[in-house]
């Protein structure tokens, strides 16, 4: 093999390796669905699966959030009114 053939083999091998590398994303797929379904509805269940993303979003752990929700539930739940 001459130098040109070796260079071609190395080039194509390195190109193949780059394609195998895990693709990184600019926007997390979890956040891409916000526009379709609304921010809270689409994100909350998925955020619970990703502990680090959940903490970055609400600044507390899932267990702390659940505990806070149980304490405040009666205060923040919707109420039936006679208004429109």
C-alpha atoms as a PDB file:
ATOM      1  CA  UNK A   1       0.000   0.000   0.000  1.00  0.00           C
ATOM      2  CA  UNK A   2       1.282   3.415  -0.804  1.00  0.00           C
ATOM      3  CA  UNK A   3       0.852   6.533   1.331  1.00  0.00           C
ATOM      4  CA  UNK A   4      -2.296   7.712  -0.461  1.00  0.00           C
ATOM      5  CA  UNK A   5      -4.107   4.416   0.123  1.00  0.00           C
ATOM      6  CA  UNK A   6      -3.088   4.391   3.783  1.00  0.00           C
ATOM      7  CA  UNK A   7      -4.300   7.970   4.183  1.00  0.00           C
ATOM      8  CA  UNK A   8      -7.644   7.047   2.578  1.00  0.00           C
ATOM      9  CA  UNK A   9      -8.077   4.043   4.860  1.00  0.00           C
ATOM     10  CA  UNK A  10      -7.292   6.145   7.935  1.00  0.00           C
ATOM     11  CA  UNK A  11      -9.666   8.891   6.779  1.00  0.00           C
ATOM     12  CA  UNK A  12     -12.596   6.544   6.177  1.00  0.00           C
ATOM     13  CA  UNK A  13     -11.953   4.639   9.410  1.00  0.00           C
ATOM     14  CA  UNK A  14     -11.930   7.864  11.454  1.00  0.00           C
ATOM     15  CA  UNK A  15     -15.075   9.057   9.680  1.00  0.00           C
ATOM     16  CA  UNK A  16     -16.819   5.788  10.514  1.00  0.00           C
ATOM     17  CA  UNK A  17     -15.781   6.114  14.164  1.00  0.00           C
ATOM     18  CA  UNK A  18     -17.200   9.659  14.357  1.00  0.00           C
ATOM     19  CA  UNK A  19     -20.564   8.410  13.120  1.00  0.00           C
ATOM     20  CA  UNK A  20     -20.603   5.732  15.825  1.00  0.00           C
ATOM     21  CA  UNK A  21     -20.135   8.291  18.596  1.00  0.00           C
ATOM     22  CA  UNK A  22     -23.208   9.093  20.616  1.00  0.00           C
ATOM     23  CA  UNK A  23     -25.022  12.030  19.134  1.00  0.00           C
ATOM     24  CA  UNK A  24     -25.314  14.987  21.476  1.00  0.00           C
ATOM     25  CA  UNK A  25     -28.268  17.290  21.377  1.00  0.00           C
ATOM     26  CA  UNK A  26     -28.501  21.034  21.785  1.00  0.00           C
ATOM     27  CA  UNK A  27     -31.983  20.905  23.348  1.00  0.00           C
ATOM     28  CA  UNK A  28     -32.937  17.979  25.550  1.00  0.00           C
ATOM     29  CA  UNK A  29     -35.742  15.960  23.877  1.00  0.00           C
ATOM     30  CA  UNK A  30     -37.696  16.356  27.082  1.00  0.00           C
ATOM     31  CA  UNK A  31     -37.873  20.109  26.535  1.00  0.00           C
ATOM     32  CA  UNK A  32     -38.663  19.952  22.821  1.00  0.00           C
ATOM     33  CA  UNK A  33     -42.253  18.836  23.473  1.00  0.00           C
ATOM     34  CA  UNK A  34     -43.133  21.963  25.476  1.00  0.00           C
ATOM     35  CA  UNK A  35     -44.590  23.802  22.496  1.00  0.00           C
ATOM     36  CA  UNK A  36     -46.861  20.907  21.556  1.00  0.00           C
ATOM     37  CA  UNK A  37     -48.386  19.956  24.901  1.00  0.00           C
ATOM     38  CA  UNK A  38     -47.662  22.870  27.216  1.00  0.00           C
ATOM     39  CA  UNK A  39     -44.745  23.175  29.535  1.00  0.00           C
ATOM     40  CA  UNK A  40     -46.057  21.559  32.693  1.00  0.00           C
ATOM     41  CA  UNK A  41     -48.136  18.794  31.130  1.00  0.00           C
ATOM     42  CA  UNK A  42     -45.376  17.523  28.900  1.00  0.00           C
ATOM     43  CA  UNK A  43     -42.444  18.006  31.202  1.00  0.00           C
ATOM     44  CA  UNK A  44     -43.484  16.970  34.667  1.00  0.00           C
ATOM     45  CA  UNK A  45     -43.755  13.189  34.261  1.00  0.00           C
ATOM     46  CA  UNK A  46     -40.573  13.064  32.207  1.00  0.00           C
ATOM     47  CA  UNK A  47     -38.759  15.338  34.651  1.00  0.00           C
ATOM     48  CA  UNK A  48     -39.493  12.875  37.441  1.00  0.00           C
ATOM     49  CA  UNK A  49     -37.495  10.267  35.513  1.00  0.00           C
ATOM     50  CA  UNK A  50     -34.439  12.545  35.238  1.00  0.00           C
ATOM     51  CA  UNK A  51     -33.437  13.489  38.789  1.00  0.00           C
ATOM     52  CA  UNK A  52     -30.842  16.085  37.776  1.00  0.00           C
ATOM     53  CA  UNK A  53     -33.216  17.815  35.320  1.00  0.00           C
ATOM     54  CA  UNK A  54     -36.021  17.793  37.911  1.00  0.00           C
ATOM     55  CA  UNK A  55     -33.767  19.396  40.491  1.00  0.00           C
ATOM     56  CA  UNK A  56     -32.685  22.049  37.995  1.00  0.00           C
ATOM     57  CA  UNK A  57     -36.327  22.786  37.146  1.00  0.00           C
ATOM     58  CA  UNK A  58     -37.915  23.011  40.615  1.00  0.00           C
ATOM     59  CA  UNK A  59     -34.804  23.287  42.812  1.00  0.00           C
ATOM     60  CA  UNK A  60     -35.753  20.367  45.051  1.00  0.00           C
ATOM     61  CA  UNK A  61     -35.679  16.599  44.923  1.00  0.00           C
ATOM     62  CA  UNK A  62     -38.665  14.546  43.804  1.00  0.00           C
ATOM     63  CA  UNK A  63     -39.311  13.282  47.331  1.00  0.00           C
ATOM     64  CA  UNK A  64     -39.230  16.829  48.755  1.00  0.00           C
ATOM     65  CA  UNK A  65     -41.620  17.989  46.043  1.00  0.00           C
ATOM     66  CA  UNK A  66     -44.058  15.145  46.743  1.00  0.00           C
ATOM     67  CA  UNK A  67     -43.944  15.893  50.473  1.00  0.00           C
ATOM     68  CA  UNK A  68     -44.589  19.597  49.876  1.00  0.00           C
ATOM     69  CA  UNK A  69     -47.438  18.761  47.503  1.00  0.00           C
ATOM     70  CA  UNK A  70     -49.176  16.563  50.091  1.00  0.00           C
ATOM     71  CA  UNK A  71     -48.927  19.335  52.698  1.00  0.00           C
ATOM     72  CA  UNK A  72     -50.248  22.053  50.368  1.00  0.00           C
ATOM     73  CA  UNK A  73     -52.744  20.030  48.328  1.00  0.00           C
ATOM     74  CA  UNK A  74     -55.905  21.178  50.132  1.00  0.00           C
ATOM     75  CA  UNK A  75     -54.811  24.804  49.917  1.00  0.00           C
ATOM     76  CA  UNK A  76     -53.988  24.865  46.200  1.00  0.00           C
ATOM     77  CA  UNK A  77     -56.588  22.515  44.700  1.00  0.00           C
ATOM     78  CA  UNK A  78     -59.242  23.950  42.395  1.00  0.00           C
ATOM     79  CA  UNK A  79     -62.535  25.007  43.885  1.00  0.00           C
ATOM     80  CA  UNK A  80     -66.024  24.871  42.418  1.00  0.00           C
ATOM     81  CA  UNK A  81     -67.560  28.336  42.313  1.00  0.00           C
ATOM     82  CA  UNK A  82     -70.791  29.879  41.062  1.00  0.00           C
ATOM     83  CA  UNK A  83     -68.895  32.275  38.846  1.00  0.00           C
ATOM     84  CA  UNK A  84     -68.733  31.670  35.134  1.00  0.00           C
END
